[in-house]
């Protein structure tokens, strides 16, 4: 896996909050983009409880749920006012930064090598397309999750 972050400016102002996270899309945060929290953060506690209780192998197959979904669900459970809208929010002294606002302070480079058919920089430079942007919309994501999501 190749992950590299380039800070464009200091993120010291994020430290004014008890925790901070970054939206990856309009509907999910991604702790892999960066996050921080002070000791005894209720959100991080919820995330740790999730990972302790999580079943990583179900019916002999690995559970491939990615951390953005799990982390966002934990954030939503802890912060009742949280809205999956991709906008910067401050809730209970927790900062959730929009992608656009985060892009002004950091650049995130990743190759998603953990996924099957992983990105190969030399063969497939990342290209944002209309289809990818269309599928990132919350209504489309919710529909796909409802009709094609993992079966319990």
C-alpha atoms as a PDB file:
ATOM      1  CA  UNK A   1       0.000   0.000   0.000  1.00  0.00           C
ATOM      2  CA  UNK A   2       1.301   3.423  -0.862  1.00  0.00           C
ATOM      3  CA  UNK A   3      -0.122   6.313   1.118  1.00  0.00           C
ATOM      4  CA  UNK A   4       1.520   9.691   1.188  1.00  0.00           C
ATOM      5  CA  UNK A   5       0.229  12.951   2.560  1.00  0.00           C
ATOM      6  CA  UNK A   6       1.600  16.334   1.657  1.00  0.00           C
ATOM      7  CA  UNK A   7       0.782  19.120   4.075  1.00  0.00           C
ATOM      8  CA  UNK A   8       0.268  22.399   2.276  1.00  0.00           C
ATOM      9  CA  UNK A   9      -0.176  24.415   5.458  1.00  0.00           C
ATOM     10  CA  UNK A  10      -0.182  23.758   9.216  1.00  0.00           C
ATOM     11  CA  UNK A  11      -3.181  21.963  10.700  1.00  0.00           C
ATOM     12  CA  UNK A  12      -2.646  23.400  14.188  1.00  0.00           C
ATOM     13  CA  UNK A  13      -6.148  24.931  14.153  1.00  0.00           C
ATOM     14  CA  UNK A  14      -7.562  21.360  14.099  1.00  0.00           C
ATOM     15  CA  UNK A  15      -6.058  20.925  17.578  1.00  0.00           C
ATOM     16  CA  UNK A  16      -8.533  23.453  18.990  1.00  0.00           C
ATOM     17  CA  UNK A  17     -11.129  20.661  18.869  1.00  0.00           C
ATOM     18  CA  UNK A  18     -11.437  17.520  20.973  1.00  0.00           C
ATOM     19  CA  UNK A  19     -11.276  15.477  17.743  1.00  0.00           C
ATOM     20  CA  UNK A  20     -11.188  15.970  13.982  1.00  0.00           C
ATOM     21  CA  UNK A  21     -12.002  13.817  10.962  1.00  0.00           C
ATOM     22  CA  UNK A  22     -12.196  14.341   7.196  1.00  0.00           C
ATOM     23  CA  UNK A  23     -14.992  13.573   4.742  1.00  0.00           C
ATOM     24  CA  UNK A  24     -13.782  11.331   1.937  1.00  0.00           C
ATOM     25  CA  UNK A  25     -17.053  11.669   0.026  1.00  0.00           C
ATOM     26  CA  UNK A  26     -20.363  13.397   0.650  1.00  0.00           C
ATOM     27  CA  UNK A  27     -21.481  10.584   2.928  1.00  0.00           C
ATOM     28  CA  UNK A  28     -18.383   9.012   4.531  1.00  0.00           C
ATOM     29  CA  UNK A  29     -15.400  10.096   6.584  1.00  0.00           C
ATOM     30  CA  UNK A  30     -12.060   8.391   6.110  1.00  0.00           C
ATOM     31  CA  UNK A  31      -9.658   8.129   9.036  1.00  0.00           C
ATOM     32  CA  UNK A  32      -6.973   7.203   6.507  1.00  0.00           C
ATOM     33  CA  UNK A  33      -6.994  10.784   5.239  1.00  0.00           C
ATOM     34  CA  UNK A  34      -5.989  11.902   8.712  1.00  0.00           C
ATOM     35  CA  UNK A  35      -7.648  12.344  12.068  1.00  0.00           C
ATOM     36  CA  UNK A  36      -6.826  13.342  15.590  1.00  0.00           C
ATOM     37  CA  UNK A  37      -8.403  13.174  19.019  1.00  0.00           C
ATOM     38  CA  UNK A  38      -7.657  14.064  22.613  1.00  0.00           C
ATOM     39  CA  UNK A  39      -7.563  11.359  25.295  1.00  0.00           C
ATOM     40  CA  UNK A  40     -10.890   9.666  26.124  1.00  0.00           C
ATOM     41  CA  UNK A  41     -12.620  10.720  22.909  1.00  0.00           C
ATOM     42  CA  UNK A  42     -16.123   9.182  22.822  1.00  0.00           C
ATOM     43  CA  UNK A  43     -15.922   8.803  19.038  1.00  0.00           C
ATOM     44  CA  UNK A  44     -12.614   6.933  19.147  1.00  0.00           C
ATOM     45  CA  UNK A  45     -13.913   4.814  22.006  1.00  0.00           C
ATOM     46  CA  UNK A  46     -16.890   3.827  19.821  1.00  0.00           C
ATOM     47  CA  UNK A  47     -14.536   2.995  16.943  1.00  0.00           C
ATOM     48  CA  UNK A  48     -12.355   0.840  19.200  1.00  0.00           C
ATOM     49  CA  UNK A  49     -15.410  -0.996  20.557  1.00  0.00           C
ATOM     50  CA  UNK A  50     -16.489  -1.657  16.959  1.00  0.00           C
ATOM     51  CA  UNK A  51     -13.089  -3.135  16.042  1.00  0.00           C
ATOM     52  CA  UNK A  52     -12.938  -5.281  19.190  1.00  0.00           C
ATOM     53  CA  UNK A  53     -16.417  -6.730  18.569  1.00  0.00           C
ATOM     54  CA  UNK A  54     -16.102  -7.003  14.787  1.00  0.00           C
ATOM     55  CA  UNK A  55     -16.055 -10.453  13.224  1.00  0.00           C
ATOM     56  CA  UNK A  56     -13.292 -10.405  10.646  1.00  0.00           C
ATOM     57  CA  UNK A  57     -14.173 -13.796   9.214  1.00  0.00           C
ATOM     58  CA  UNK A  58     -17.815 -14.660   8.506  1.00  0.00           C
ATOM     59  CA  UNK A  59     -18.742 -18.108   7.161  1.00  0.00           C
ATOM     60  CA  UNK A  60     -15.090 -18.744   6.308  1.00  0.00           C
ATOM     61  CA  UNK A  61     -14.730 -15.537   4.266  1.00  0.00           C
ATOM     62  CA  UNK A  62     -13.026 -12.306   5.222  1.00  0.00           C
ATOM     63  CA  UNK A  63     -15.362  -9.408   5.990  1.00  0.00           C
ATOM     64  CA  UNK A  64     -14.192  -6.809   3.497  1.00  0.00           C
ATOM     65  CA  UNK A  65     -16.038  -3.822   4.978  1.00  0.00           C
ATOM     66  CA  UNK A  66     -13.735  -0.835   4.639  1.00  0.00           C
ATOM     67  CA  UNK A  67     -12.951   1.519   7.499  1.00  0.00           C
ATOM     68  CA  UNK A  68     -14.709   4.607   6.026  1.00  0.00           C
ATOM     69  CA  UNK A  69     -18.109   2.915   6.406  1.00  0.00           C
ATOM     70  CA  UNK A  70     -17.342   1.597   9.892  1.00  0.00           C
ATOM     71  CA  UNK A  71     -15.832   4.882  11.076  1.00  0.00           C
ATOM     72  CA  UNK A  72     -18.727   6.931   9.691  1.00  0.00           C
ATOM     73  CA  UNK A  73     -21.277   4.630  11.343  1.00  0.00           C
ATOM     74  CA  UNK A  74     -19.461   5.080  14.686  1.00  0.00           C
ATOM     75  CA  UNK A  75     -19.365   8.851  14.233  1.00  0.00           C
ATOM     76  CA  UNK A  76     -23.064   8.894  13.407  1.00  0.00           C
ATOM     77  CA  UNK A  77     -23.862   6.760  16.455  1.00  0.00           C
ATOM     78  CA  UNK A  78     -21.860   9.035  18.776  1.00  0.00           C
ATOM     79  CA  UNK A  79     -22.878  12.404  17.306  1.00  0.00           C
ATOM     80  CA  UNK A  80     -26.645  12.504  16.926  1.00  0.00           C
ATOM     81  CA  UNK A  81     -26.520  15.807  14.974  1.00  0.00           C
ATOM     82  CA  UNK A  82     -24.020  14.484  12.414  1.00  0.00           C
ATOM     83  CA  UNK A  83     -25.203  14.893   8.829  1.00  0.00           C
ATOM     84  CA  UNK A  84     -23.778  12.899   5.935  1.00  0.00           C
ATOM     85  CA  UNK A  85     -23.507  15.839   3.587  1.00  0.00           C
ATOM     86  CA  UNK A  86     -19.781  16.291   2.955  1.00  0.00           C
ATOM     87  CA  UNK A  87     -19.826  19.751   4.541  1.00  0.00           C
ATOM     88  CA  UNK A  88     -17.558  20.977   7.320  1.00  0.00           C
ATOM     89  CA  UNK A  89     -19.341  20.571  10.664  1.00  0.00           C
ATOM     90  CA  UNK A  90     -18.515  21.274  14.302  1.00  0.00           C
ATOM     91  CA  UNK A  91     -20.506  19.072  16.686  1.00  0.00           C
ATOM     92  CA  UNK A  92     -19.789  18.731  20.418  1.00  0.00           C
ATOM     93  CA  UNK A  93     -16.365  20.318  19.836  1.00  0.00           C
ATOM     94  CA  UNK A  94     -15.562  17.722  17.144  1.00  0.00           C
ATOM     95  CA  UNK A  95     -14.524  19.041  13.736  1.00  0.00           C
ATOM     96  CA  UNK A  96     -15.533  17.129  10.616  1.00  0.00           C
ATOM     97  CA  UNK A  97     -13.751  18.740   7.668  1.00  0.00           C
ATOM     98  CA  UNK A  98     -15.115  18.761   4.120  1.00  0.00           C
ATOM     99  CA  UNK A  99     -12.970  17.373   1.318  1.00  0.00           C
ATOM    100  CA  UNK A 100     -12.699  20.845  -0.199  1.00  0.00           C
ATOM    101  CA  UNK A 101     -11.563  22.458   3.062  1.00  0.00           C
ATOM    102  CA  UNK A 102      -9.084  19.648   3.724  1.00  0.00           C
ATOM    103  CA  UNK A 103      -7.664  19.992   0.201  1.00  0.00           C
ATOM    104  CA  UNK A 104      -6.523  23.501   1.139  1.00  0.00           C
ATOM    105  CA  UNK A 105      -4.253  22.086   3.880  1.00  0.00           C
ATOM    106  CA  UNK A 106      -3.267  18.599   2.655  1.00  0.00           C
ATOM    107  CA  UNK A 107      -2.970  16.389  -0.395  1.00  0.00           C
ATOM    108  CA  UNK A 108      -3.607  12.673   0.031  1.00  0.00           C
ATOM    109  CA  UNK A 109      -1.989  10.248  -2.383  1.00  0.00           C
ATOM    110  CA  UNK A 110      -3.039   6.587  -2.231  1.00  0.00           C
ATOM    111  CA  UNK A 111      -2.993   3.603  -4.539  1.00  0.00           C
ATOM    112  CA  UNK A 112      -5.569   1.338  -2.842  1.00  0.00           C
ATOM    113  CA  UNK A 113      -3.316  -1.667  -3.239  1.00  0.00           C
ATOM    114  CA  UNK A 114      -5.384  -3.568  -0.661  1.00  0.00           C
ATOM    115  CA  UNK A 115      -8.260  -3.861  -3.144  1.00  0.00           C
ATOM    116  CA  UNK A 116      -8.536  -6.595  -5.733  1.00  0.00           C
ATOM    117  CA  UNK A 117      -7.380  -5.345  -9.118  1.00  0.00           C
ATOM    118  CA  UNK A 118      -5.523  -2.606  -7.285  1.00  0.00           C
ATOM    119  CA  UNK A 119      -4.475   0.655  -8.761  1.00  0.00           C
ATOM    120  CA  UNK A 120      -1.144   0.490 -10.536  1.00  0.00           C
ATOM    121  CA  UNK A 121       0.268   3.969 -11.004  1.00  0.00           C
ATOM    122  CA  UNK A 122       2.356   3.036 -14.012  1.00  0.00           C
ATOM    123  CA  UNK A 123      -0.566   1.398 -15.829  1.00  0.00           C
ATOM    124  CA  UNK A 124      -3.647   3.241 -14.526  1.00  0.00           C
ATOM    125  CA  UNK A 125      -3.207   6.829 -13.412  1.00  0.00           C
ATOM    126  CA  UNK A 126      -6.241   7.796 -11.327  1.00  0.00           C
ATOM    127  CA  UNK A 127      -8.854   9.593 -13.336  1.00  0.00           C
ATOM    128  CA  UNK A 128     -11.930  11.173 -11.804  1.00  0.00           C
ATOM    129  CA  UNK A 129     -14.859  10.588 -14.152  1.00  0.00           C
ATOM    130  CA  UNK A 130     -18.484  11.655 -14.338  1.00  0.00           C
ATOM    131  CA  UNK A 131     -19.516   8.080 -13.524  1.00  0.00           C
ATOM    132  CA  UNK A 132     -17.358   8.000 -10.378  1.00  0.00           C
ATOM    133  CA  UNK A 133     -18.770  11.345  -9.214  1.00  0.00           C
ATOM    134  CA  UNK A 134     -22.310  10.134  -9.972  1.00  0.00           C
ATOM    135  CA  UNK A 135     -21.825   6.957  -7.929  1.00  0.00           C
ATOM    136  CA  UNK A 136     -20.448   8.926  -4.963  1.00  0.00           C
ATOM    137  CA  UNK A 137     -23.825  10.588  -4.362  1.00  0.00           C
ATOM    138  CA  UNK A 138     -25.470   9.523  -1.115  1.00  0.00           C
ATOM    139  CA  UNK A 139     -28.796   8.476  -2.711  1.00  0.00           C
ATOM    140  CA  UNK A 140     -26.997   6.220  -5.176  1.00  0.00           C
ATOM    141  CA  UNK A 141     -24.804   4.782  -2.410  1.00  0.00           C
ATOM    142  CA  UNK A 142     -27.837   4.144  -0.177  1.00  0.00           C
ATOM    143  CA  UNK A 143     -29.681   2.420  -3.042  1.00  0.00           C
ATOM    144  CA  UNK A 144     -26.712   0.170  -3.846  1.00  0.00           C
ATOM    145  CA  UNK A 145     -26.169  -0.612  -0.164  1.00  0.00           C
ATOM    146  CA  UNK A 146     -29.859  -1.423   0.357  1.00  0.00           C
ATOM    147  CA  UNK A 147     -30.236  -3.635  -2.712  1.00  0.00           C
ATOM    148  CA  UNK A 148     -26.759  -5.100  -3.116  1.00  0.00           C
ATOM    149  CA  UNK A 149     -25.171  -4.686   0.340  1.00  0.00           C
ATOM    150  CA  UNK A 150     -23.779  -7.525   2.370  1.00  0.00           C
ATOM    151  CA  UNK A 151     -26.298 -10.117   3.425  1.00  0.00           C
ATOM    152  CA  UNK A 152     -26.717 -10.755   7.150  1.00  0.00           C
END
